[in-house]
Amino acid sequence: MYRWYRCAEVCYAHLWDVEDGDNPHITNSQFRRAEWFKRGWTLQELLAPNTVLFLSKTWAVIGTKHSLAKEIHDVTSIDTQILRGQRKLSDASVAERMSWASDRVTTKVEDRAYCLVGIFGVHLMPLYGEGLHAFIRLQEAILGVIPDQSIFAWGQRRDSLLLSEPSPSATALIASPGPLSDVDIRGQSWPYLLATSPKAFKGPIDISTISRAQLSERLGVDVEYPRYAITSYGMHMTLPTLPFSEDGSEGKELHLAFLACQDKEGRLLALILRRPRSPPSNSESIMHVGFCLPFQAQFRLSRPNLMASEIGDRYYRLAVLSQEQISACRTRILADRKVYVQHSLPLI
């Protein structure tokens, strides 16, 4: 379908809920509130064609994708340069493209993935009935064709980690085994590498990708090209990592896995990895993603059985690191550590 729209000279978008005379430039206009902008499948109808002509309820011309680029951006957050053809769709990071679909709805859960296939230029056989696994398969297909690690950069970020010889009091902020030992987070996607829905990418996306050479220069180590292989232990990955522990001895409990991504301030992003609570024997390199900030003792005593929904705001998957922070711990960075990261929420 994406290719058909791409080859069309003009595509017509009939907005059945927009009356004649509606002013699309007004913030609360019918055009901006049109259902067409909320549906999953219409995203490719907007992006693929060079020319999209918007029509009102009675087929009166409202404008084109080019002439209404600013208004469409306000509704969808899609860059006006992409809408006007001044920037290629492939220049947008995976996370940015995912964010455009984060508020859109589809009748079938599988279509959350299938409607994005053309936008990422991948092939995916539809298997209706697979449910959330469709979105996992989409991400696995993307990893095979697009060298963009922003696909992992969803969820909450932490920018106050202490990386250089943390003291016992400071490491309480980054300890994972204790806070998670009495909290049931089964059924949540946070500890896994891949998201279960585009909704995970909701929010302003300020992430851009950098090259392998740039990442190597900033870390001070020679970073290999990333490789991914799906196994029964998780996704086998080779990443530059920084180990640190709650006792300050550079132990094995927590690791930062640096991604070839940066935020708008130029700070590097890193996944926070930890060993599972009950790891299999000889599983030093099997990891989950993220950690939970500990609750105050008084609160924990009053709520001994916390639900996963109560810790969502305290669960961090990512760290944001300035160049100054990275330079201070360069000697502890492992250039290419091979790890298994639990990549998808068990769906059976």
Protein backbone atom coordinates (compact mmCIF):
# COMPACT_ATOMS: atom_id res chain seq x y z
CA MET A 1 0.00 0.00 0.00
CA TYR A 2 2.77 2.44 0.86
CA ARG A 3 4.31 1.94 -2.57
CA TRP A 4 0.98 2.57 -4.27
CA TYR A 5 0.57 5.86 -2.45
CA ARG A 6 4.18 6.75 -3.18
CA CYS A 7 3.68 6.28 -6.93
CA ALA A 8 0.45 8.29 -7.05
CA GLU A 9 0.56 11.77 -8.55
CA VAL A 10 -2.15 12.98 -6.15
CA CYS A 11 -3.89 11.39 -3.18
CA TYR A 12 -7.21 12.74 -1.95
CA ALA A 13 -8.03 12.77 1.77
CA HIS A 14 -11.77 13.14 2.33
CA LEU A 15 -12.38 14.54 5.81
CA TRP A 16 -16.01 13.62 6.49
CA ASP A 17 -16.06 15.55 9.79
CA VAL A 18 -14.86 18.92 8.44
CA GLU A 19 -17.53 21.38 7.31
CA ASP A 20 -17.15 23.87 4.49
CA GLY A 21 -15.74 27.19 5.67
CA ASP A 22 -13.69 25.67 8.49
CA ASN A 23 -10.48 27.60 9.06
CA PRO A 24 -7.60 25.10 9.47
CA HIS A 25 -5.30 27.82 10.80
CA ILE A 26 -7.34 28.15 14.00
CA THR A 27 -6.10 26.05 16.92
CA ASN A 28 -9.40 24.30 17.62
CA SER A 29 -10.51 23.95 14.01
CA GLN A 30 -12.41 20.92 12.74
CA PHE A 31 -9.50 20.21 10.41
CA ARG A 32 -7.07 19.82 13.32
CA ARG A 33 -9.57 17.63 15.19
CA ALA A 34 -10.39 15.45 12.18
CA GLU A 35 -10.56 11.72 12.80
CA TRP A 36 -8.30 11.18 9.78
CA PHE A 37 -5.30 12.35 11.84
CA LYS A 38 -6.02 9.80 14.58
CA ARG A 39 -6.15 6.62 12.51
CA GLY A 40 -3.14 4.34 12.13
CA TRP A 41 -3.45 3.53 8.44
CA THR A 42 -3.77 7.17 7.37
CA LEU A 43 -0.20 7.91 8.51
CA GLN A 44 1.21 6.27 5.39
CA GLU A 45 -1.46 8.03 3.31
CA LEU A 46 -0.05 11.31 4.62
CA LEU A 47 3.65 10.51 4.29
CA ALA A 48 3.97 8.44 1.11
CA PRO A 49 2.46 10.67 -1.63
CA ASN A 50 4.20 13.79 -2.79
CA THR A 51 0.86 15.59 -3.03
CA VAL A 52 -2.10 15.11 -0.69
CA LEU A 53 -5.23 17.17 -1.34
CA PHE A 54 -7.54 17.57 1.67
CA LEU A 55 -11.27 17.78 0.97
CA SER A 56 -14.12 18.76 3.28
CA LYS A 57 -17.33 16.89 4.03
CA THR A 58 -18.87 18.16 0.79
CA TRP A 59 -15.66 17.61 -1.24
CA ALA A 60 -14.60 21.27 -1.16
CA VAL A 61 -10.84 21.82 -1.29
CA ILE A 62 -9.27 22.69 2.09
CA GLY A 63 -5.62 22.72 1.05
CA THR A 64 -2.64 20.47 0.37
CA LYS A 65 -0.04 18.74 2.49
CA HIS A 66 2.44 21.42 1.43
CA SER A 67 0.23 24.44 2.06
CA LEU A 68 -1.00 23.12 5.42
CA ALA A 69 2.33 21.71 6.59
CA LYS A 70 2.48 23.87 9.72
CA GLU A 71 -1.07 22.98 10.75
CA ILE A 72 -0.42 19.28 10.16
CA HIS A 73 2.80 19.52 12.18
CA ASP A 74 0.85 21.02 15.09
CA VAL A 75 -1.47 18.01 15.04
CA THR A 76 0.97 15.20 14.25
CA SER A 77 4.42 16.53 15.31
CA ILE A 78 5.78 15.51 11.89
CA ASP A 79 8.57 17.81 10.72
CA THR A 80 7.29 20.36 8.18
CA GLN A 81 10.36 19.72 6.02
CA ILE A 82 9.32 16.08 5.67
CA LEU A 83 5.76 17.10 4.83
CA ARG A 84 7.02 19.48 2.13
CA GLY A 85 9.52 16.99 0.71
CA GLN A 86 12.54 19.06 1.81
CA ARG A 87 13.80 16.28 4.09
CA LYS A 88 13.74 12.55 3.35
CA LEU A 89 11.60 10.29 5.49
CA SER A 90 14.63 8.06 6.04
CA ASP A 91 16.43 11.00 7.69
CA ALA A 92 14.02 10.78 10.63
CA SER A 93 15.19 8.43 13.37
CA VAL A 94 13.28 5.26 14.13
CA ALA A 95 12.12 6.74 17.45
CA GLU A 96 10.88 9.88 15.71
CA ARG A 97 8.87 7.89 13.17
CA MET A 98 7.44 5.68 15.91
CA SER A 99 6.33 8.76 17.83
CA TRP A 100 4.12 9.84 14.93
CA ALA A 101 2.06 6.67 15.42
CA SER A 102 1.97 6.81 19.22
CA ASP A 103 -1.47 8.46 19.46
CA ARG A 104 -3.07 6.75 16.47
CA VAL A 105 -5.61 3.96 16.77
CA THR A 106 -6.39 0.87 14.74
CA THR A 107 -9.30 -1.55 14.87
CA LYS A 108 -7.02 -4.57 15.21
CA VAL A 109 -4.05 -4.61 17.57
CA GLU A 110 -1.83 -6.16 14.86
CA ASP A 111 -2.43 -3.18 12.59
CA ARG A 112 -0.44 -0.98 14.96
CA ALA A 113 2.55 -2.73 13.41
CA TYR A 114 1.32 -3.51 9.91
CA CYS A 115 0.39 0.12 9.16
CA LEU A 116 4.03 1.13 9.76
CA VAL A 117 5.71 -1.44 7.51
CA GLY A 118 6.08 0.89 4.51
CA ILE A 119 7.20 3.84 6.64
CA PHE A 120 10.23 1.80 7.72
CA GLY A 121 10.78 0.06 4.39
CA VAL A 122 10.56 -3.47 5.77
CA HIS A 123 8.61 -6.58 4.80
CA LEU A 124 6.32 -8.25 7.32
CA MET A 125 3.87 -11.05 6.61
CA PRO A 126 0.49 -10.24 8.23
CA LEU A 127 -0.54 -12.85 10.80
CA TYR A 128 -3.83 -11.69 12.29
CA GLY A 129 -4.29 -13.29 15.67
CA GLU A 130 -0.70 -12.79 16.82
CA GLY A 131 -1.67 -9.71 18.86
CA LEU A 132 1.14 -7.67 20.42
CA HIS A 133 3.76 -9.95 18.87
CA ALA A 134 3.21 -8.14 15.55
CA PHE A 135 4.89 -5.03 16.92
CA ILE A 136 7.79 -7.10 18.26
CA ARG A 137 8.25 -8.64 14.80
CA LEU A 138 8.16 -5.18 13.22
CA GLN A 139 11.00 -3.98 15.46
CA GLU A 140 13.02 -7.11 14.77
CA ALA A 141 12.60 -6.47 11.03
CA ILE A 142 13.65 -2.82 11.46
CA LEU A 143 16.82 -3.87 13.28
CA GLY A 144 17.72 -5.99 10.27
CA VAL A 145 17.66 -3.10 7.79
CA ILE A 146 18.10 0.21 9.65
CA PRO A 147 21.27 0.82 11.72
CA ASP A 148 19.49 3.06 14.22
CA GLN A 149 19.63 2.36 17.95
CA SER A 150 17.00 4.97 18.80
CA ILE A 151 14.58 2.03 18.52
CA PHE A 152 15.71 1.15 22.06
CA ALA A 153 15.37 4.73 23.38
CA TRP A 154 11.87 4.66 24.82
CA GLY A 155 10.75 5.02 28.41
CA GLN A 156 11.95 7.30 31.17
CA ARG A 157 15.44 8.80 31.32
CA ARG A 158 17.63 9.47 34.34
CA ASP A 159 20.22 12.25 34.18
CA SER A 160 21.62 12.17 37.73
CA LEU A 161 23.58 8.92 37.82
CA LEU A 162 26.97 9.01 39.54
CA LEU A 163 29.41 7.01 37.42
CA SER A 164 32.78 7.57 39.01
CA GLU A 165 33.39 5.66 42.27
CA PRO A 166 29.90 6.24 43.71
CA SER A 167 29.61 6.43 47.48
CA PRO A 168 27.28 4.05 49.39
CA SER A 169 24.72 6.81 49.92
CA ALA A 170 24.78 7.84 46.26
CA THR A 171 24.50 4.31 44.96
CA ALA A 172 21.12 3.97 46.64
CA LEU A 173 19.87 5.97 43.67
CA ILE A 174 21.07 3.37 41.19
CA ALA A 175 20.60 0.12 43.07
CA SER A 176 18.36 -2.36 41.28
CA PRO A 177 18.14 -5.67 43.15
CA GLY A 178 16.67 -4.28 46.37
CA PRO A 179 13.89 -2.03 45.01
CA LEU A 180 12.77 -4.71 42.54
CA SER A 181 12.93 -7.66 44.90
CA ASP A 182 9.50 -6.97 46.40
CA VAL A 183 7.70 -5.36 43.47
CA ASP A 184 5.82 -7.44 40.93
CA ILE A 185 6.38 -5.99 37.44
CA ARG A 186 5.25 -9.01 35.50
CA GLY A 187 3.18 -8.03 32.49
CA GLN A 188 5.04 -4.73 32.04
CA SER A 189 7.25 -4.08 29.02
CA TRP A 190 9.71 -1.76 30.83
CA PRO A 191 12.38 -4.40 31.63
CA TYR A 192 12.57 -5.55 28.01
CA LEU A 193 14.51 -4.22 25.07
CA LEU A 194 11.62 -3.84 22.62
CA ALA A 195 8.34 -2.01 23.13
CA THR A 196 4.93 -3.65 22.70
CA SER A 197 3.24 -0.64 21.12
CA PRO A 198 4.05 2.68 19.41
CA LYS A 199 2.57 4.30 22.51
CA ALA A 200 5.91 3.67 24.24
CA PHE A 201 7.43 6.36 22.01
CA LYS A 202 4.82 8.98 22.90
CA GLY A 203 6.06 12.44 23.73
CA PRO A 204 8.45 14.95 22.21
CA ILE A 205 11.26 13.07 20.47
CA ASP A 206 14.55 14.96 20.78
CA ILE A 207 16.76 12.04 19.77
CA SER A 208 19.16 12.03 16.84
CA THR A 209 21.55 9.30 15.78
CA ILE A 210 25.33 9.56 15.52
CA SER A 211 27.77 7.42 13.58
CA ARG A 212 29.85 4.56 14.97
CA ALA A 213 32.98 6.70 14.46
CA GLN A 214 31.46 9.56 16.47
CA LEU A 215 30.47 7.19 19.28
CA SER A 216 33.99 5.74 19.33
CA GLU A 217 35.52 9.21 19.57
CA ARG A 218 33.25 10.29 22.41
CA LEU A 219 33.79 7.11 24.44
CA GLY A 220 37.52 6.90 23.72
CA VAL A 221 37.27 3.26 22.60
CA ASP A 222 37.01 1.54 19.23
CA VAL A 223 33.35 0.54 18.95
CA GLU A 224 32.46 -2.30 16.59
CA TYR A 225 29.46 -2.25 14.28
CA PRO A 226 26.50 -3.42 16.38
CA ARG A 227 25.21 -6.93 15.79
CA TYR A 228 21.91 -8.39 16.93
CA ALA A 229 20.85 -12.03 17.09
CA ILE A 230 17.64 -13.30 18.65
CA THR A 231 18.16 -16.35 20.85
CA SER A 232 16.26 -18.22 23.54
CA TYR A 233 18.27 -16.24 26.14
CA GLY A 234 17.30 -12.87 24.68
CA MET A 235 18.82 -10.64 22.05
CA HIS A 236 22.55 -11.27 21.73
CA MET A 237 24.21 -7.86 21.37
CA THR A 238 27.67 -6.36 21.28
CA LEU A 239 27.75 -2.97 22.97
CA PRO A 240 30.20 -0.64 24.73
CA THR A 241 29.35 -0.84 28.42
CA LEU A 242 30.28 0.70 31.75
CA PRO A 243 29.83 -1.53 34.81
CA PHE A 244 29.16 -0.10 38.26
CA SER A 245 27.69 -1.43 41.49
CA GLU A 246 25.96 -0.27 44.62
CA ASP A 247 28.99 -1.03 46.80
CA GLY A 248 31.26 1.12 44.62
CA SER A 249 33.48 -1.77 43.58
CA GLU A 250 32.61 -1.80 39.87
CA GLY A 251 30.66 -5.01 40.33
CA LYS A 252 28.22 -6.76 38.02
CA GLU A 253 24.79 -5.59 39.16
CA LEU A 254 24.34 -2.56 36.88
CA HIS A 255 25.75 -1.58 33.52
CA LEU A 256 25.37 1.31 31.13
CA ALA A 257 25.17 0.20 27.49
CA PHE A 258 25.98 3.20 25.31
CA LEU A 259 23.82 3.84 22.25
CA ALA A 260 24.76 5.75 19.10
CA CYS A 261 22.16 8.39 19.98
CA GLN A 262 22.14 11.82 21.55
CA ASP A 263 19.53 14.26 22.82
CA LYS A 264 19.06 17.83 21.62
CA GLU A 265 21.74 19.01 24.07
CA GLY A 266 24.28 16.59 22.62
CA ARG A 267 24.27 14.22 25.62
CA LEU A 268 24.72 10.52 24.93
CA LEU A 269 21.98 8.03 25.73
CA ALA A 270 22.67 4.68 27.38
CA LEU A 271 20.49 1.76 28.33
CA ILE A 272 20.63 0.82 32.01
CA LEU A 273 21.09 -2.95 32.27
CA ARG A 274 20.78 -5.22 35.30
CA ARG A 275 20.77 -8.92 35.97
CA PRO A 276 17.33 -10.48 36.58
CA ARG A 277 16.27 -11.20 40.16
CA SER A 278 16.58 -14.96 39.69
CA PRO A 279 19.12 -15.45 36.91
CA PRO A 280 19.89 -18.92 35.55
CA SER A 281 23.19 -20.40 36.61
CA ASN A 282 26.28 -19.13 34.77
CA SER A 283 24.24 -16.23 33.34
CA GLU A 284 26.53 -13.31 34.06
CA SER A 285 25.69 -11.69 30.72
CA ILE A 286 21.89 -12.15 30.75
CA MET A 287 20.34 -8.74 31.42
CA HIS A 288 17.08 -6.90 31.83
CA VAL A 289 16.62 -3.21 31.03
CA GLY A 290 16.07 -0.51 33.64
CA PHE A 291 15.88 -0.05 37.40
CA CYS A 292 13.45 1.34 39.94
CA LEU A 293 14.27 4.14 42.33
CA PRO A 294 13.79 2.97 45.93
CA PHE A 295 10.78 4.28 47.84
CA GLN A 296 11.20 5.98 51.18
CA ALA A 297 11.12 3.53 54.06
CA GLN A 298 7.99 5.07 55.61
CA PHE A 299 6.05 4.71 52.36
CA ARG A 300 7.24 1.12 51.84
CA LEU A 301 6.13 0.11 55.33
CA SER A 302 2.67 1.52 54.70
CA ARG A 303 2.41 -0.19 51.28
CA PRO A 304 4.20 -3.55 51.50
CA ASN A 305 2.68 -4.93 48.28
CA LEU A 306 3.23 -2.33 45.59
CA MET A 307 1.56 -2.76 42.23
CA ALA A 308 3.47 -2.23 38.98
CA SER A 309 1.31 0.79 38.12
CA GLU A 310 2.59 2.53 41.24
CA ILE A 311 6.24 2.31 40.25
CA GLY A 312 5.92 3.34 36.59
CA ASP A 313 7.07 6.88 37.30
CA ARG A 314 10.11 5.55 39.20
CA TYR A 315 11.29 3.04 36.63
CA TYR A 316 14.15 4.30 34.46
CA ARG A 317 15.34 2.55 31.30
CA LEU A 318 17.79 5.16 30.04
CA ALA A 319 20.59 7.36 31.32
CA VAL A 320 21.56 10.68 29.76
CA LEU A 321 25.27 11.45 29.98
CA SER A 322 27.27 14.60 29.31
CA GLN A 323 30.69 14.40 27.69
CA GLU A 324 32.22 15.49 31.00
CA GLN A 325 30.64 12.51 32.77
CA ILE A 326 31.84 10.12 30.08
CA SER A 327 35.39 11.48 30.07
CA ALA A 328 35.63 10.98 33.83
CA CYS A 329 35.10 7.22 33.52
CA ARG A 330 36.64 6.38 30.14
CA THR A 331 39.15 3.97 31.64
CA ARG A 332 36.32 1.78 32.93
CA ILE A 333 34.43 1.50 29.63
CA LEU A 334 34.45 -1.93 28.01
CA ALA A 335 34.61 -1.45 24.24
CA ASP A 336 32.63 -4.45 23.02
CA ARG A 337 30.86 -6.50 25.64
CA LYS A 338 28.67 -9.36 24.47
CA VAL A 339 25.43 -9.56 26.41
CA TYR A 340 22.03 -11.21 26.18
CA VAL A 341 19.23 -8.71 26.80
CA GLN A 342 15.72 -9.96 27.41
CA HIS A 343 14.18 -8.45 24.31
CA SER A 344 10.43 -8.97 24.47
CA LEU A 345 7.66 -9.37 27.01
CA PRO A 346 6.48 -13.01 27.15
CA LEU A 347 3.09 -12.94 25.43
CA ILE A 348 1.91 -16.47 26.15
